[in-house]
Amino acid sequence: MESSPNQAYAPADKRHLTSRNLARLTAQPPTYHGDTVRFVLVGDTQRFYDETADFVASVNQQPRLDFVAIAGDISDFGLGREMHWVHRRLQKLRVPYLTVIGNHDELANGRAAYQEHFGPLNYSFVYQSTRFICLDTNGREYGFNGRVPDLAWLEQQLADTAGIVRTVIISHVPPNDNDFDPKLVQPYTQLLRRYPKVTLHLAAHIHRFTAGQPFHDGLTYLTAYNLKKRRYHVLTLWGQRYFRLETVSYAKVR
């Protein structure tokens, strides 16, 4: 029973969603042989519930997908009930979905609610010879305290390259945005630069698609549409640095 809209509590069947989806991903057969991986990227589901339902219908029509990545802002006000409402729609995806925490998810008691529903704020996993590093980059929500993103943890993940062909970073706030801790922009980008297997940096937050190399170091940074735009990306990765980006638009179903 909900005693407060700000409570972090989640029923047992709605906890540990990240570890549950990772278990699904591990158990399912890869859609491609070799090191190819194909997944959907979108951001900022927030209060776009109808759009989320239509997004699920569209993604379920995509062939040969491995998983869906939601690059933060699952909620608008950091409420557990919002996370549950979005999960109720996303659980109808035919492939697992994985998230990172966004700045809106950290409002009020949202950080605790996110951890209760999804799990750790920073985590990584390996799939098809790719290390995906998912981390909290919402520095403004911590008062720019110099500790978010956690560079020590990030370096541990980057250094673990055994059996890895490439590394992909997924976060919410990109490092060239004003909500990223300004003291950490240079150390963060320098750290990524030291590890040549880092292939892509994926984020959301600004609600539109961008692609470029803003730090002129050969690393491509992408930001995704929010769900209100009714567009998402399908990314296919192979080899160490090859990728293909497709943009999919979807219509209102109801």
C-alpha atoms as a PDB file:
ATOM      1  CA  MET A   1       0.000   0.000   0.000  1.00  0.00           C
ATOM      2  CA  GLU A   2       1.310   3.458  -0.884  1.00  0.00           C
ATOM      3  CA  SER A   3       1.597   5.707   2.187  1.00  0.00           C
ATOM      4  CA  SER A   4       3.205   8.679   0.396  1.00  0.00           C
ATOM      5  CA  PRO A   5       3.769   9.603  -3.271  1.00  0.00           C
ATOM      6  CA  ASN A   6       7.452  10.061  -2.357  1.00  0.00           C
ATOM      7  CA  GLN A   7       7.947   6.625  -0.865  1.00  0.00           C
ATOM      8  CA  ALA A   8      10.759   4.572  -2.383  1.00  0.00           C
ATOM      9  CA  TYR A   9       9.171   1.199  -1.649  1.00  0.00           C
ATOM     10  CA  ALA A  10       8.451  -1.137  -4.558  1.00  0.00           C
ATOM     11  CA  PRO A  11       6.551  -4.432  -4.315  1.00  0.00           C
ATOM     12  CA  ALA A  12       8.725  -7.517  -4.644  1.00  0.00           C
ATOM     13  CA  ASP A  13       7.648  -8.182  -8.231  1.00  0.00           C
ATOM     14  CA  LYS A  14       8.722  -4.670  -9.283  1.00  0.00           C
ATOM     15  CA  ARG A  15      12.213  -4.632  -7.695  1.00  0.00           C
ATOM     16  CA  HIS A  16      15.621  -5.405  -9.191  1.00  0.00           C
ATOM     17  CA  LEU A  17      14.409  -4.727 -12.736  1.00  0.00           C
ATOM     18  CA  THR A  18      17.951  -4.184 -14.040  1.00  0.00           C
ATOM     19  CA  SER A  19      19.261  -7.518 -12.778  1.00  0.00           C
ATOM     20  CA  ARG A  20      16.104  -9.261 -14.001  1.00  0.00           C
ATOM     21  CA  ASN A  21      16.464  -7.812 -17.494  1.00  0.00           C
ATOM     22  CA  LEU A  22      20.168  -8.638 -17.568  1.00  0.00           C
ATOM     23  CA  ALA A  23      19.288 -12.225 -16.681  1.00  0.00           C
ATOM     24  CA  ARG A  24      16.799 -12.275 -19.595  1.00  0.00           C
ATOM     25  CA  LEU A  25      19.468 -10.867 -21.921  1.00  0.00           C
ATOM     26  CA  THR A  26      21.978 -13.487 -20.852  1.00  0.00           C
ATOM     27  CA  ALA A  27      19.473 -16.299 -21.270  1.00  0.00           C
ATOM     28  CA  GLN A  28      18.246 -15.365 -24.740  1.00  0.00           C
ATOM     29  CA  PRO A  29      20.217 -16.477 -27.821  1.00  0.00           C
ATOM     30  CA  PRO A  30      22.098 -13.599 -29.563  1.00  0.00           C
ATOM     31  CA  THR A  31      20.388 -12.376 -32.711  1.00  0.00           C
ATOM     32  CA  TYR A  32      23.676 -12.385 -34.648  1.00  0.00           C
ATOM     33  CA  HIS A  33      26.718 -14.615 -34.760  1.00  0.00           C
ATOM     34  CA  GLY A  34      30.137 -13.161 -33.952  1.00  0.00           C
ATOM     35  CA  ASP A  35      30.380  -9.803 -32.203  1.00  0.00           C
ATOM     36  CA  THR A  36      27.431  -7.974 -33.800  1.00  0.00           C
ATOM     37  CA  VAL A  37      24.903  -6.453 -31.424  1.00  0.00           C
ATOM     38  CA  ARG A  38      21.731  -4.545 -32.347  1.00  0.00           C
ATOM     39  CA  PHE A  39      19.710  -2.489 -29.883  1.00  0.00           C
ATOM     40  CA  VAL A  40      17.291   0.432 -29.581  1.00  0.00           C
ATOM     41  CA  LEU A  41      18.236   3.743 -27.965  1.00  0.00           C
ATOM     42  CA  VAL A  42      15.737   6.324 -26.689  1.00  0.00           C
ATOM     43  CA  GLY A  43      15.519   8.721 -23.748  1.00  0.00           C
ATOM     44  CA  ASP A  44      13.167  10.571 -21.450  1.00  0.00           C
ATOM     45  CA  THR A  45      10.007   8.487 -21.177  1.00  0.00           C
ATOM     46  CA  GLN A  46       8.805  10.791 -18.351  1.00  0.00           C
ATOM     47  CA  ARG A  47       5.027  11.360 -18.538  1.00  0.00           C
ATOM     48  CA  PHE A  48       4.665  10.243 -22.162  1.00  0.00           C
ATOM     49  CA  TYR A  49       2.677   7.137 -21.322  1.00  0.00           C
ATOM     50  CA  ASP A  50       0.667   6.900 -24.549  1.00  0.00           C
ATOM     51  CA  GLU A  51       3.834   7.480 -26.563  1.00  0.00           C
ATOM     52  CA  THR A  52       5.575   4.758 -24.543  1.00  0.00           C
ATOM     53  CA  ALA A  53       2.832   2.258 -25.354  1.00  0.00           C
ATOM     54  CA  ASP A  54       3.090   3.130 -29.050  1.00  0.00           C
ATOM     55  CA  PHE A  55       6.892   2.916 -28.825  1.00  0.00           C
ATOM     56  CA  VAL A  56       6.592  -0.633 -27.484  1.00  0.00           C
ATOM     57  CA  ALA A  57       4.279  -1.583 -30.352  1.00  0.00           C
ATOM     58  CA  SER A  58       6.757  -0.204 -32.880  1.00  0.00           C
ATOM     59  CA  VAL A  59       9.858  -1.764 -31.311  1.00  0.00           C
ATOM     60  CA  ASN A  60       8.148  -5.139 -31.182  1.00  0.00           C
ATOM     61  CA  GLN A  61       7.954  -4.992 -34.986  1.00  0.00           C
ATOM     62  CA  GLN A  62      11.741  -4.600 -35.310  1.00  0.00           C
ATOM     63  CA  PRO A  63      13.583  -7.733 -36.438  1.00  0.00           C
ATOM     64  CA  ARG A  64      16.672  -9.132 -34.731  1.00  0.00           C
ATOM     65  CA  LEU A  65      16.904  -6.849 -31.703  1.00  0.00           C
ATOM     66  CA  ASP A  66      18.930  -7.736 -28.614  1.00  0.00           C
ATOM     67  CA  PHE A  67      17.625  -5.163 -26.108  1.00  0.00           C
ATOM     68  CA  VAL A  68      16.321  -1.629 -25.568  1.00  0.00           C
ATOM     69  CA  ALA A  69      18.325   1.089 -23.772  1.00  0.00           C
ATOM     70  CA  ILE A  70      16.423   3.903 -22.013  1.00  0.00           C
ATOM     71  CA  ALA A  71      18.946   6.710 -21.428  1.00  0.00           C
ATOM     72  CA  GLY A  72      17.406   8.178 -18.300  1.00  0.00           C
ATOM     73  CA  ASP A  73      14.457  10.238 -17.056  1.00  0.00           C
ATOM     74  CA  ILE A  74      12.105   7.341 -16.749  1.00  0.00           C
ATOM     75  CA  SER A  75      10.041   9.577 -14.452  1.00  0.00           C
ATOM     76  CA  ASP A  76       9.235  13.282 -14.426  1.00  0.00           C
ATOM     77  CA  PHE A  77       9.090  13.897 -10.665  1.00  0.00           C
ATOM     78  CA  GLY A  78      11.203  11.059  -9.269  1.00  0.00           C
ATOM     79  CA  LEU A  79       8.127   9.167  -8.077  1.00  0.00           C
ATOM     80  CA  GLY A  80       8.137   5.422  -7.711  1.00  0.00           C
ATOM     81  CA  ARG A  81       4.604   5.246  -9.102  1.00  0.00           C
ATOM     82  CA  GLU A  82       5.829   6.908 -12.325  1.00  0.00           C
ATOM     83  CA  MET A  83       8.592   4.296 -12.644  1.00  0.00           C
ATOM     84  CA  HIS A  84       6.015   1.582 -12.132  1.00  0.00           C
ATOM     85  CA  TRP A  85       3.670   3.046 -14.760  1.00  0.00           C
ATOM     86  CA  VAL A  86       6.484   3.198 -17.327  1.00  0.00           C
ATOM     87  CA  HIS A  87       7.644  -0.321 -16.431  1.00  0.00           C
ATOM     88  CA  ARG A  88       4.090  -1.601 -16.861  1.00  0.00           C
ATOM     89  CA  ARG A  89       4.295  -0.541 -20.513  1.00  0.00           C
ATOM     90  CA  LEU A  90       7.951  -1.443 -21.159  1.00  0.00           C
ATOM     91  CA  GLN A  91       7.540  -4.949 -19.759  1.00  0.00           C
ATOM     92  CA  LYS A  92       5.482  -5.682 -22.878  1.00  0.00           C
ATOM     93  CA  LEU A  93       8.620  -5.370 -25.013  1.00  0.00           C
ATOM     94  CA  ARG A  94       9.617  -8.703 -26.525  1.00  0.00           C
ATOM     95  CA  VAL A  95      13.267  -7.997 -25.618  1.00  0.00           C
ATOM     96  CA  PRO A  96      14.785  -6.891 -22.270  1.00  0.00           C
ATOM     97  CA  TYR A  97      15.100  -3.196 -21.495  1.00  0.00           C
ATOM     98  CA  LEU A  98      17.854  -1.509 -19.502  1.00  0.00           C
ATOM     99  CA  THR A  99      17.987   1.985 -18.004  1.00  0.00           C
ATOM    100  CA  VAL A 100      20.286   4.618 -16.565  1.00  0.00           C
ATOM    101  CA  ILE A 101      19.147   7.165 -14.014  1.00  0.00           C
ATOM    102  CA  GLY A 102      18.269  10.669 -15.257  1.00  0.00           C
ATOM    103  CA  ASN A 103      18.187  13.991 -13.453  1.00  0.00           C
ATOM    104  CA  HIS A 104      14.378  13.913 -13.156  1.00  0.00           C
ATOM    105  CA  ASP A 105      14.614  10.461 -11.580  1.00  0.00           C
ATOM    106  CA  GLU A 106      16.721  12.022  -8.797  1.00  0.00           C
ATOM    107  CA  LEU A 107      14.144  14.622  -7.765  1.00  0.00           C
ATOM    108  CA  ALA A 108      12.761  14.437  -4.210  1.00  0.00           C
ATOM    109  CA  ASN A 109      13.157  10.813  -3.068  1.00  0.00           C
ATOM    110  CA  GLY A 110      13.655   9.623  -6.626  1.00  0.00           C
ATOM    111  CA  ARG A 111      17.192   8.308  -6.255  1.00  0.00           C
ATOM    112  CA  ALA A 112      16.045   5.853  -3.595  1.00  0.00           C
ATOM    113  CA  ALA A 113      12.947   4.978  -5.652  1.00  0.00           C
ATOM    114  CA  TYR A 114      15.099   4.295  -8.709  1.00  0.00           C
ATOM    115  CA  GLN A 115      17.420   2.042  -6.697  1.00  0.00           C
ATOM    116  CA  GLU A 116      14.419   0.248  -5.211  1.00  0.00           C
ATOM    117  CA  HIS A 117      12.827  -0.368  -8.605  1.00  0.00           C
ATOM    118  CA  PHE A 118      15.806  -0.766 -10.937  1.00  0.00           C
ATOM    119  CA  GLY A 119      18.945  -1.271  -8.856  1.00  0.00           C
ATOM    120  CA  PRO A 120      22.464   0.252  -8.871  1.00  0.00           C
ATOM    121  CA  LEU A 121      23.072   3.758 -10.228  1.00  0.00           C
ATOM    122  CA  ASN A 122      26.271   2.520 -11.899  1.00  0.00           C
ATOM    123  CA  TYR A 123      26.616  -0.901 -13.475  1.00  0.00           C
ATOM    124  CA  SER A 124      28.203  -2.603 -16.453  1.00  0.00           C
ATOM    125  CA  PHE A 125      27.603  -5.761 -18.409  1.00  0.00           C
ATOM    126  CA  VAL A 126      29.175  -7.642 -21.319  1.00  0.00           C
ATOM    127  CA  TYR A 127      27.142  -8.818 -24.297  1.00  0.00           C
ATOM    128  CA  GLN A 128      28.450  -9.971 -27.675  1.00  0.00           C
ATOM    129  CA  SER A 129      32.039  -8.954 -26.790  1.00  0.00           C
ATOM    130  CA  THR A 130      30.847  -5.434 -25.903  1.00  0.00           C
ATOM    131  CA  ARG A 131      31.185  -3.877 -22.466  1.00  0.00           C
ATOM    132  CA  PHE A 132      28.279  -1.543 -21.831  1.00  0.00           C
ATOM    133  CA  ILE A 133      28.997   0.897 -19.000  1.00  0.00           C
ATOM    134  CA  CYS A 134      25.855   2.538 -17.610  1.00  0.00           C
ATOM    135  CA  LEU A 135      26.479   5.347 -15.147  1.00  0.00           C
ATOM    136  CA  ASP A 136      25.006   8.300 -13.309  1.00  0.00           C
ATOM    137  CA  THR A 137      26.245  11.585 -14.821  1.00  0.00           C
ATOM    138  CA  ASN A 138      23.633  13.889 -13.236  1.00  0.00           C
ATOM    139  CA  GLY A 139      26.204  16.076 -11.500  1.00  0.00           C
ATOM    140  CA  ARG A 140      23.891  19.016 -10.873  1.00  0.00           C
ATOM    141  CA  GLU A 141      21.626  16.819  -8.728  1.00  0.00           C
ATOM    142  CA  TYR A 142      24.584  16.347  -6.357  1.00  0.00           C
ATOM    143  CA  GLY A 143      25.492  20.046  -6.200  1.00  0.00           C
ATOM    144  CA  PHE A 144      28.466  19.521  -8.516  1.00  0.00           C
ATOM    145  CA  ASN A 145      30.303  17.841  -5.644  1.00  0.00           C
ATOM    146  CA  GLY A 146      33.075  16.435  -7.842  1.00  0.00           C
ATOM    147  CA  ARG A 147      32.019  12.811  -7.270  1.00  0.00           C
ATOM    148  CA  VAL A 148      29.373  12.271 -10.011  1.00  0.00           C
ATOM    149  CA  PRO A 149      30.157  10.627 -12.351  1.00  0.00           C
ATOM    150  CA  ASP A 150      32.276   8.283 -10.262  1.00  0.00           C
ATOM    151  CA  LEU A 151      35.550   8.333 -12.206  1.00  0.00           C
ATOM    152  CA  ALA A 152      37.296   5.734 -10.028  1.00  0.00           C
ATOM    153  CA  TRP A 153      34.507   3.224 -10.656  1.00  0.00           C
ATOM    154  CA  LEU A 154      34.437   4.126 -14.341  1.00  0.00           C
ATOM    155  CA  GLU A 155      38.158   3.507 -14.722  1.00  0.00           C
ATOM    156  CA  GLN A 156      37.818   0.068 -13.134  1.00  0.00           C
ATOM    157  CA  GLN A 157      35.242  -0.854 -15.765  1.00  0.00           C
ATOM    158  CA  LEU A 158      37.275   0.606 -18.638  1.00  0.00           C
ATOM    159  CA  ALA A 159      40.411  -1.266 -17.542  1.00  0.00           C
ATOM    160  CA  ASP A 160      38.638  -4.633 -17.570  1.00  0.00           C
ATOM    161  CA  THR A 161      39.072  -5.458 -21.259  1.00  0.00           C
ATOM    162  CA  ALA A 162      39.450  -9.241 -21.113  1.00  0.00           C
ATOM    163  CA  GLY A 163      37.526 -10.670 -24.066  1.00  0.00           C
ATOM    164  CA  ILE A 164      36.204  -7.225 -24.994  1.00  0.00           C
ATOM    165  CA  VAL A 165      36.143  -5.932 -28.572  1.00  0.00           C
ATOM    166  CA  ARG A 166      34.627  -2.530 -27.791  1.00  0.00           C
ATOM    167  CA  THR A 167      33.143  -0.442 -24.975  1.00  0.00           C
ATOM    168  CA  VAL A 168      29.972   1.668 -25.093  1.00  0.00           C
ATOM    169  CA  ILE A 169      29.088   4.302 -22.487  1.00  0.00           C
ATOM    170  CA  ILE A 170      25.416   4.991 -21.698  1.00  0.00           C
ATOM    171  CA  SER A 171      24.446   7.904 -19.457  1.00  0.00           C
ATOM    172  CA  HIS A 172      21.754  10.565 -19.236  1.00  0.00           C
ATOM    173  CA  VAL A 173      23.580  13.917 -19.198  1.00  0.00           C
ATOM    174  CA  PRO A 174      26.302  14.201 -21.872  1.00  0.00           C
ATOM    175  CA  PRO A 175      29.590  15.829 -20.781  1.00  0.00           C
ATOM    176  CA  ASN A 176      29.093  18.850 -23.046  1.00  0.00           C
ATOM    177  CA  ASP A 177      25.896  19.863 -21.225  1.00  0.00           C
ATOM    178  CA  ASN A 178      25.636  22.430 -18.412  1.00  0.00           C
ATOM    179  CA  ASP A 179      24.114  19.830 -16.051  1.00  0.00           C
ATOM    180  CA  PHE A 180      27.344  17.776 -16.136  1.00  0.00           C
ATOM    181  CA  ASP A 181      29.719  18.664 -13.285  1.00  0.00           C
ATOM    182  CA  PRO A 182      32.028  21.246 -14.948  1.00  0.00           C
ATOM    183  CA  LYS A 183      34.970  20.195 -12.757  1.00  0.00           C
ATOM    184  CA  LEU A 184      34.762  16.674 -14.173  1.00  0.00           C
ATOM    185  CA  VAL A 185      34.313  17.357 -17.882  1.00  0.00           C
ATOM    186  CA  GLN A 186      38.014  17.334 -18.662  1.00  0.00           C
ATOM    187  CA  PRO A 187      38.980  14.385 -16.398  1.00  0.00           C
ATOM    188  CA  TYR A 188      35.985  12.377 -17.700  1.00  0.00           C
ATOM    189  CA  THR A 189      36.719  12.909 -21.381  1.00  0.00           C
ATOM    190  CA  GLN A 190      40.453  12.407 -20.852  1.00  0.00           C
ATOM    191  CA  LEU A 191      39.748   9.108 -19.092  1.00  0.00           C
ATOM    192  CA  LEU A 192      37.588   7.866 -21.983  1.00  0.00           C
ATOM    193  CA  ARG A 193      40.289   8.937 -24.422  1.00  0.00           C
ATOM    194  CA  ARG A 194      42.886   6.748 -22.656  1.00  0.00           C
ATOM    195  CA  TYR A 195      40.928   3.611 -23.517  1.00  0.00           C
ATOM    196  CA  PRO A 196      40.849   3.105 -27.285  1.00  0.00           C
ATOM    197  CA  LYS A 197      38.175   0.408 -27.124  1.00  0.00           C
ATOM    198  CA  VAL A 198      35.599   3.044 -26.178  1.00  0.00           C
ATOM    199  CA  THR A 199      33.549   3.261 -29.377  1.00  0.00           C
ATOM    200  CA  LEU A 200      30.489   5.362 -28.559  1.00  0.00           C
ATOM    201  CA  HIS A 201      29.100   7.631 -25.861  1.00  0.00           C
ATOM    202  CA  LEU A 202      25.283   7.534 -25.743  1.00  0.00           C
ATOM    203  CA  ALA A 203      23.092   9.938 -23.760  1.00  0.00           C
ATOM    204  CA  ALA A 204      19.745  11.767 -23.821  1.00  0.00           C
ATOM    205  CA  HIS A 205      18.600  14.714 -21.633  1.00  0.00           C
ATOM    206  CA  ILE A 206      18.367  17.367 -24.371  1.00  0.00           C
ATOM    207  CA  HIS A 207      15.387  15.635 -26.058  1.00  0.00           C
ATOM    208  CA  ARG A 208      16.819  15.681 -29.561  1.00  0.00           C
ATOM    209  CA  PHE A 209      19.239  13.784 -31.715  1.00  0.00           C
ATOM    210  CA  THR A 210      22.815  15.029 -31.963  1.00  0.00           C
ATOM    211  CA  ALA A 211      25.923  13.292 -33.208  1.00  0.00           C
ATOM    212  CA  GLY A 212      29.472  14.560 -33.285  1.00  0.00           C
ATOM    213  CA  GLN A 213      32.906  14.579 -31.745  1.00  0.00           C
ATOM    214  CA  PRO A 214      32.696  17.687 -29.513  1.00  0.00           C
ATOM    215  CA  PHE A 215      36.057  17.035 -27.859  1.00  0.00           C
ATOM    216  CA  HIS A 216      37.882  16.457 -31.170  1.00  0.00           C
ATOM    217  CA  ASP A 217      39.378  13.211 -29.934  1.00  0.00           C
ATOM    218  CA  GLY A 218      37.863  10.687 -32.339  1.00  0.00           C
ATOM    219  CA  LEU A 219      35.125   9.534 -29.921  1.00  0.00           C
ATOM    220  CA  THR A 220      31.559   9.932 -31.220  1.00  0.00           C
ATOM    221  CA  TYR A 221      28.940  11.274 -28.807  1.00  0.00           C
ATOM    222  CA  LEU A 222      25.250  10.718 -29.592  1.00  0.00           C
ATOM    223  CA  THR A 223      22.123  12.005 -27.865  1.00  0.00           C
ATOM    224  CA  ALA A 224      18.705  10.417 -28.380  1.00  0.00           C
ATOM    225  CA  TYR A 225      15.211  11.748 -28.950  1.00  0.00           C
ATOM    226  CA  ASN A 226      12.776  11.793 -26.074  1.00  0.00           C
ATOM    227  CA  LEU A 227       9.655   9.677 -26.448  1.00  0.00           C
ATOM    228  CA  LYS A 228       7.453  12.674 -27.111  1.00  0.00           C
ATOM    229  CA  LYS A 229       9.182  13.030 -30.498  1.00  0.00           C
ATOM    230  CA  ARG A 230       7.926   9.546 -31.496  1.00  0.00           C
ATOM    231  CA  ARG A 231      11.341   8.678 -32.857  1.00  0.00           C
ATOM    232  CA  TYR A 232      14.030   6.279 -31.703  1.00  0.00           C
ATOM    233  CA  HIS A 233      17.311   4.920 -32.963  1.00  0.00           C
ATOM    234  CA  VAL A 234      18.384   1.382 -33.805  1.00  0.00           C
ATOM    235  CA  LEU A 235      22.125   0.925 -33.392  1.00  0.00           C
ATOM    236  CA  THR A 236      24.035  -1.981 -34.909  1.00  0.00           C
ATOM    237  CA  LEU A 237      27.656  -2.440 -33.775  1.00  0.00           C
ATOM    238  CA  TRP A 238      30.300  -4.742 -35.200  1.00  0.00           C
ATOM    239  CA  GLY A 239      34.081  -4.881 -35.223  1.00  0.00           C
ATOM    240  CA  GLN A 240      35.870  -2.473 -32.897  1.00  0.00           C
ATOM    241  CA  ARG A 241      34.545   0.801 -34.264  1.00  0.00           C
ATOM    242  CA  TYR A 242      31.875   0.095 -36.865  1.00  0.00           C
ATOM    243  CA  PHE A 243      28.282   1.063 -36.238  1.00  0.00           C
ATOM    244  CA  ARG A 244      25.129   1.830 -38.184  1.00  0.00           C
ATOM    245  CA  LEU A 245      22.457   4.213 -36.935  1.00  0.00           C
ATOM    246  CA  GLU A 246      18.857   3.971 -38.133  1.00  0.00           C
ATOM    247  CA  THR A 247      16.132   6.417 -37.120  1.00  0.00           C
ATOM    248  CA  VAL A 248      12.615   5.040 -36.763  1.00  0.00           C
ATOM    249  CA  SER A 249       9.465   7.199 -36.589  1.00  0.00           C
ATOM    250  CA  TYR A 250       6.247   5.723 -35.292  1.00  0.00           C
ATOM    251  CA  ALA A 251       2.663   6.881 -35.433  1.00  0.00           C
ATOM    252  CA  LYS A 252       0.001   7.228 -32.795  1.00  0.00           C
ATOM    253  CA  VAL A 253      -1.769   3.883 -32.428  1.00  0.00           C
ATOM    254  CA  ARG A 254      -4.871   4.917 -30.474  1.00  0.00           C
END
